[in-house]
Amino acid sequence: MDKRTATAIRYDPSLPAPFVVATGRGDLAVKLVDLARKAGVPIRNDRDLAERLLWLAPGDVIPEELYRPVAEVLLFLLDLKKNELNNGNDEKNFG
């Protein structure tokens, strides 16, 4: 069994919590990661979290028990964005 998993999440401050955009396993996971890279979306490798989010459907809000690990991902992305801006490259897409 192919253990590769990928989950795309989105945070919209007007909503109560981040939500799942897409999930995939195997070849679909590889495709999701490839699309994210091509779009300039940062990627964080967290197999456990991706596996836990895999069971949610696109559009589902992140459950409360996953708020902390998802917040860590969002902080990771915020740090990346700050570093990019400090380096003078503000054109990168941070999805």
N, C-alpha and C. Protein backbone atom coordinates (compact mmCIF):
# COMPACT_ATOMS: atom_id res chain seq x y z
N MET A 1 0.84 -1.19 0.00
CA MET A 1 0.00 0.00 0.00
C MET A 1 0.88 1.25 0.00
N ASP A 2 0.53 2.21 -0.83
CA ASP A 2 1.28 3.46 -0.95
C ASP A 2 0.95 4.35 0.24
N LYS A 3 1.96 4.72 1.01
CA LYS A 3 1.75 5.49 2.24
C LYS A 3 1.84 7.00 2.04
N ARG A 4 2.11 7.45 0.82
CA ARG A 4 2.20 8.90 0.59
C ARG A 4 0.81 9.52 0.75
N THR A 5 0.76 10.59 1.53
CA THR A 5 -0.49 11.32 1.72
C THR A 5 -0.21 12.81 1.61
N ALA A 6 -1.23 13.54 1.21
CA ALA A 6 -1.12 14.99 1.14
C ALA A 6 -2.48 15.59 1.45
N THR A 7 -2.44 16.70 2.15
CA THR A 7 -3.66 17.43 2.46
C THR A 7 -3.39 18.91 2.27
N ALA A 8 -4.26 19.57 1.56
CA ALA A 8 -4.16 21.01 1.38
C ALA A 8 -5.19 21.67 2.27
N ILE A 9 -4.75 22.69 3.02
CA ILE A 9 -5.67 23.42 3.88
C ILE A 9 -5.62 24.89 3.52
N ARG A 10 -6.65 25.59 3.92
CA ARG A 10 -6.72 27.03 3.66
C ARG A 10 -7.24 27.71 4.92
N TYR A 11 -6.69 28.87 5.18
CA TYR A 11 -7.16 29.67 6.31
C TYR A 11 -7.75 30.95 5.77
N ASP A 12 -8.99 31.20 6.14
CA ASP A 12 -9.68 32.44 5.79
C ASP A 12 -10.12 33.07 7.11
N PRO A 13 -9.56 34.22 7.47
CA PRO A 13 -9.86 34.82 8.77
C PRO A 13 -11.35 35.10 8.99
N SER A 14 -12.14 35.16 7.93
CA SER A 14 -13.58 35.42 8.10
C SER A 14 -14.35 34.16 8.50
N LEU A 15 -13.69 33.01 8.48
CA LEU A 15 -14.32 31.75 8.86
C LEU A 15 -13.85 31.34 10.25
N PRO A 16 -14.61 30.47 10.92
CA PRO A 16 -14.26 30.09 12.29
C PRO A 16 -12.98 29.26 12.43
N ALA A 17 -12.58 28.57 11.38
CA ALA A 17 -11.39 27.71 11.46
C ALA A 17 -10.88 27.42 10.05
N PRO A 18 -9.62 27.01 9.94
CA PRO A 18 -9.11 26.58 8.63
C PRO A 18 -9.94 25.39 8.11
N PHE A 19 -9.88 25.18 6.81
CA PHE A 19 -10.64 24.07 6.23
C PHE A 19 -9.81 23.32 5.21
N VAL A 20 -10.25 22.11 4.91
CA VAL A 20 -9.57 21.25 3.96
C VAL A 20 -9.96 21.67 2.55
N VAL A 21 -8.95 21.77 1.69
CA VAL A 21 -9.18 22.11 0.29
C VAL A 21 -9.14 20.84 -0.56
N ALA A 22 -8.16 19.97 -0.29
CA ALA A 22 -8.00 18.73 -1.06
C ALA A 22 -7.21 17.73 -0.23
N THR A 23 -7.44 16.46 -0.50
CA THR A 23 -6.67 15.40 0.14
C THR A 23 -6.37 14.33 -0.90
N GLY A 24 -5.33 13.58 -0.66
CA GLY A 24 -5.02 12.49 -1.58
C GLY A 24 -4.03 11.52 -1.00
N ARG A 25 -4.04 10.33 -1.55
CA ARG A 25 -3.13 9.27 -1.16
C ARG A 25 -2.48 8.72 -2.43
N GLY A 26 -1.25 8.27 -2.31
CA GLY A 26 -0.57 7.65 -3.44
C GLY A 26 -0.27 8.64 -4.54
N ASP A 27 -0.64 8.26 -5.77
CA ASP A 27 -0.36 9.12 -6.93
C ASP A 27 -1.06 10.47 -6.82
N LEU A 28 -2.27 10.48 -6.23
CA LEU A 28 -2.98 11.75 -6.06
C LEU A 28 -2.23 12.67 -5.11
N ALA A 29 -1.63 12.11 -4.07
CA ALA A 29 -0.82 12.91 -3.14
C ALA A 29 0.36 13.53 -3.86
N VAL A 30 1.02 12.75 -4.70
CA VAL A 30 2.16 13.25 -5.47
C VAL A 30 1.69 14.39 -6.37
N LYS A 31 0.53 14.23 -6.99
CA LYS A 31 0.00 15.26 -7.88
C LYS A 31 -0.33 16.54 -7.11
N LEU A 32 -0.91 16.40 -5.92
CA LEU A 32 -1.23 17.58 -5.11
C LEU A 32 0.03 18.35 -4.73
N VAL A 33 1.06 17.63 -4.32
CA VAL A 33 2.32 18.28 -3.94
C VAL A 33 2.95 18.96 -5.15
N ASP A 34 2.91 18.29 -6.29
CA ASP A 34 3.46 18.87 -7.51
C ASP A 34 2.72 20.15 -7.90
N LEU A 35 1.39 20.13 -7.83
CA LEU A 35 0.60 21.32 -8.14
C LEU A 35 0.91 22.45 -7.17
N ALA A 36 1.06 22.12 -5.90
CA ALA A 36 1.38 23.14 -4.91
C ALA A 36 2.74 23.77 -5.21
N ARG A 37 3.72 22.94 -5.51
CA ARG A 37 5.06 23.47 -5.83
C ARG A 37 5.01 24.39 -7.04
N LYS A 38 4.31 23.94 -8.10
CA LYS A 38 4.21 24.75 -9.32
C LYS A 38 3.51 26.08 -9.06
N ALA A 39 2.57 26.09 -8.10
CA ALA A 39 1.84 27.32 -7.78
C ALA A 39 2.57 28.18 -6.77
N GLY A 40 3.72 27.70 -6.28
CA GLY A 40 4.47 28.47 -5.29
C GLY A 40 3.91 28.39 -3.89
N VAL A 41 3.09 27.38 -3.64
CA VAL A 41 2.51 27.20 -2.30
C VAL A 41 3.52 26.44 -1.43
N PRO A 42 3.84 26.99 -0.28
CA PRO A 42 4.79 26.30 0.60
C PRO A 42 4.26 24.94 1.05
N ILE A 43 5.17 24.02 1.27
CA ILE A 43 4.82 22.66 1.66
C ILE A 43 5.53 22.34 2.97
N ARG A 44 4.80 21.73 3.86
CA ARG A 44 5.40 21.27 5.12
C ARG A 44 5.16 19.78 5.23
N ASN A 45 6.21 19.04 5.51
CA ASN A 45 6.11 17.60 5.64
C ASN A 45 5.69 17.24 7.06
N ASP A 46 4.46 16.78 7.22
CA ASP A 46 3.95 16.35 8.51
C ASP A 46 3.01 15.17 8.24
N ARG A 47 3.61 13.99 8.11
CA ARG A 47 2.86 12.80 7.73
C ARG A 47 1.69 12.52 8.68
N ASP A 48 1.93 12.66 9.99
CA ASP A 48 0.87 12.37 10.96
C ASP A 48 -0.32 13.28 10.76
N LEU A 49 -0.08 14.58 10.63
CA LEU A 49 -1.18 15.52 10.44
C LEU A 49 -1.88 15.28 9.11
N ALA A 50 -1.13 15.05 8.05
CA ALA A 50 -1.74 14.79 6.75
C ALA A 50 -2.64 13.55 6.82
N GLU A 51 -2.17 12.53 7.51
CA GLU A 51 -2.96 11.30 7.66
C GLU A 51 -4.25 11.56 8.44
N ARG A 52 -4.16 12.38 9.47
CA ARG A 52 -5.35 12.68 10.27
C ARG A 52 -6.34 13.55 9.51
N LEU A 53 -5.83 14.43 8.65
CA LEU A 53 -6.71 15.29 7.86
C LEU A 53 -7.26 14.58 6.62
N LEU A 54 -6.63 13.49 6.24
CA LEU A 54 -7.01 12.76 5.03
C LEU A 54 -8.47 12.30 5.06
N TRP A 55 -8.98 12.10 6.25
CA TRP A 55 -10.34 11.56 6.37
C TRP A 55 -11.41 12.64 6.32
N LEU A 56 -10.99 13.89 6.21
CA LEU A 56 -11.95 14.98 6.07
C LEU A 56 -12.20 15.23 4.59
N ALA A 57 -13.38 15.70 4.28
CA ALA A 57 -13.74 16.00 2.89
C ALA A 57 -13.37 17.45 2.58
N PRO A 58 -13.08 17.74 1.31
CA PRO A 58 -12.85 19.14 0.94
C PRO A 58 -14.02 20.01 1.40
N GLY A 59 -13.68 21.12 2.02
CA GLY A 59 -14.70 22.02 2.56
C GLY A 59 -14.95 21.82 4.04
N ASP A 60 -14.53 20.66 4.59
CA ASP A 60 -14.72 20.42 6.02
C ASP A 60 -13.80 21.32 6.84
N VAL A 61 -14.34 21.87 7.91
CA VAL A 61 -13.56 22.68 8.83
C VAL A 61 -12.71 21.75 9.68
N ILE A 62 -11.51 22.20 10.00
CA ILE A 62 -10.59 21.42 10.84
C ILE A 62 -11.25 21.21 12.21
N PRO A 63 -11.29 19.97 12.71
CA PRO A 63 -11.88 19.73 14.02
C PRO A 63 -11.00 20.31 15.14
N GLU A 64 -11.63 20.64 16.26
CA GLU A 64 -10.93 21.28 17.38
C GLU A 64 -9.70 20.52 17.83
N GLU A 65 -9.75 19.20 17.82
CA GLU A 65 -8.60 18.43 18.32
C GLU A 65 -7.37 18.59 17.43
N LEU A 66 -7.53 19.16 16.24
CA LEU A 66 -6.39 19.38 15.34
C LEU A 66 -6.01 20.86 15.24
N TYR A 67 -6.64 21.71 16.04
CA TYR A 67 -6.33 23.14 15.99
C TYR A 67 -4.84 23.40 16.25
N ARG A 68 -4.27 22.77 17.27
CA ARG A 68 -2.88 23.06 17.62
C ARG A 68 -1.92 22.66 16.49
N PRO A 69 -1.98 21.42 15.96
CA PRO A 69 -1.03 21.10 14.89
C PRO A 69 -1.26 21.94 13.62
N VAL A 70 -2.49 22.28 13.33
CA VAL A 70 -2.76 23.12 12.16
C VAL A 70 -2.25 24.54 12.41
N ALA A 71 -2.40 25.04 13.64
CA ALA A 71 -1.86 26.37 13.97
C ALA A 71 -0.34 26.38 13.80
N GLU A 72 0.32 25.27 14.15
CA GLU A 72 1.77 25.19 13.96
C GLU A 72 2.13 25.29 12.48
N VAL A 73 1.33 24.68 11.62
CA VAL A 73 1.56 24.77 10.17
C VAL A 73 1.37 26.21 9.72
N LEU A 74 0.32 26.85 10.19
CA LEU A 74 0.06 28.23 9.79
C LEU A 74 1.17 29.17 10.28
N LEU A 75 1.71 28.93 11.47
CA LEU A 75 2.84 29.72 11.95
C LEU A 75 4.08 29.49 11.09
N PHE A 76 4.29 28.24 10.69
CA PHE A 76 5.38 27.91 9.78
C PHE A 76 5.26 28.72 8.49
N LEU A 77 4.05 28.77 7.94
CA LEU A 77 3.82 29.52 6.70
C LEU A 77 4.01 31.02 6.90
N LEU A 78 3.57 31.51 8.03
CA LEU A 78 3.75 32.93 8.33
C LEU A 78 5.22 33.28 8.44
N ASP A 79 5.99 32.41 9.08
CA ASP A 79 7.44 32.63 9.17
C ASP A 79 8.09 32.63 7.79
N LEU A 80 7.66 31.71 6.94
CA LEU A 80 8.19 31.68 5.57
C LEU A 80 7.89 32.98 4.85
N LYS A 81 6.66 33.44 5.00
CA LYS A 81 6.26 34.68 4.32
C LYS A 81 7.08 35.85 4.83
N LYS A 82 7.27 35.94 6.16
CA LYS A 82 8.07 37.03 6.72
C LYS A 82 9.50 36.97 6.20
N ASN A 83 10.07 35.78 6.13
CA ASN A 83 11.44 35.63 5.62
C ASN A 83 11.53 36.06 4.17
N GLU A 84 10.55 35.69 3.37
CA GLU A 84 10.55 36.08 1.96
C GLU A 84 10.46 37.60 1.83
N LEU A 85 9.59 38.21 2.63
CA LEU A 85 9.45 39.67 2.56
C LEU A 85 10.72 40.37 3.02
N ASN A 86 11.36 39.82 4.04
CA ASN A 86 12.62 40.40 4.53
C ASN A 86 13.74 40.26 3.52
N ASN A 87 13.64 39.24 2.67
CA ASN A 87 14.65 39.03 1.65
C ASN A 87 14.33 39.78 0.36
N GLY A 88 13.27 40.57 0.38
CA GLY A 88 12.93 41.39 -0.78
C GLY A 88 12.17 40.67 -1.86
N ASN A 89 11.69 39.47 -1.60
CA ASN A 89 10.93 38.73 -2.61
C ASN A 89 9.51 38.61 -2.13
N ASP A 90 8.68 39.61 -2.49
CA ASP A 90 7.30 39.59 -2.04
C ASP A 90 6.35 39.10 -3.11
N GLU A 91 6.88 38.49 -4.17
CA GLU A 91 6.03 38.03 -5.26
C GLU A 91 5.63 36.57 -5.12
N LYS A 92 6.15 35.86 -4.16
CA LYS A 92 5.85 34.44 -4.02
C LYS A 92 4.42 34.26 -3.52
N ASN A 93 3.74 33.26 -4.04
CA ASN A 93 2.37 32.95 -3.64
C ASN A 93 2.38 32.12 -2.36
N PHE A 94 1.73 32.61 -1.35
CA PHE A 94 1.66 31.87 -0.09
C PHE A 94 0.28 31.32 0.15
N GLY A 95 -0.49 31.09 -0.90
CA GLY A 95 -1.76 30.42 -0.90
C GLY A 95 -2.55 30.59 0.29
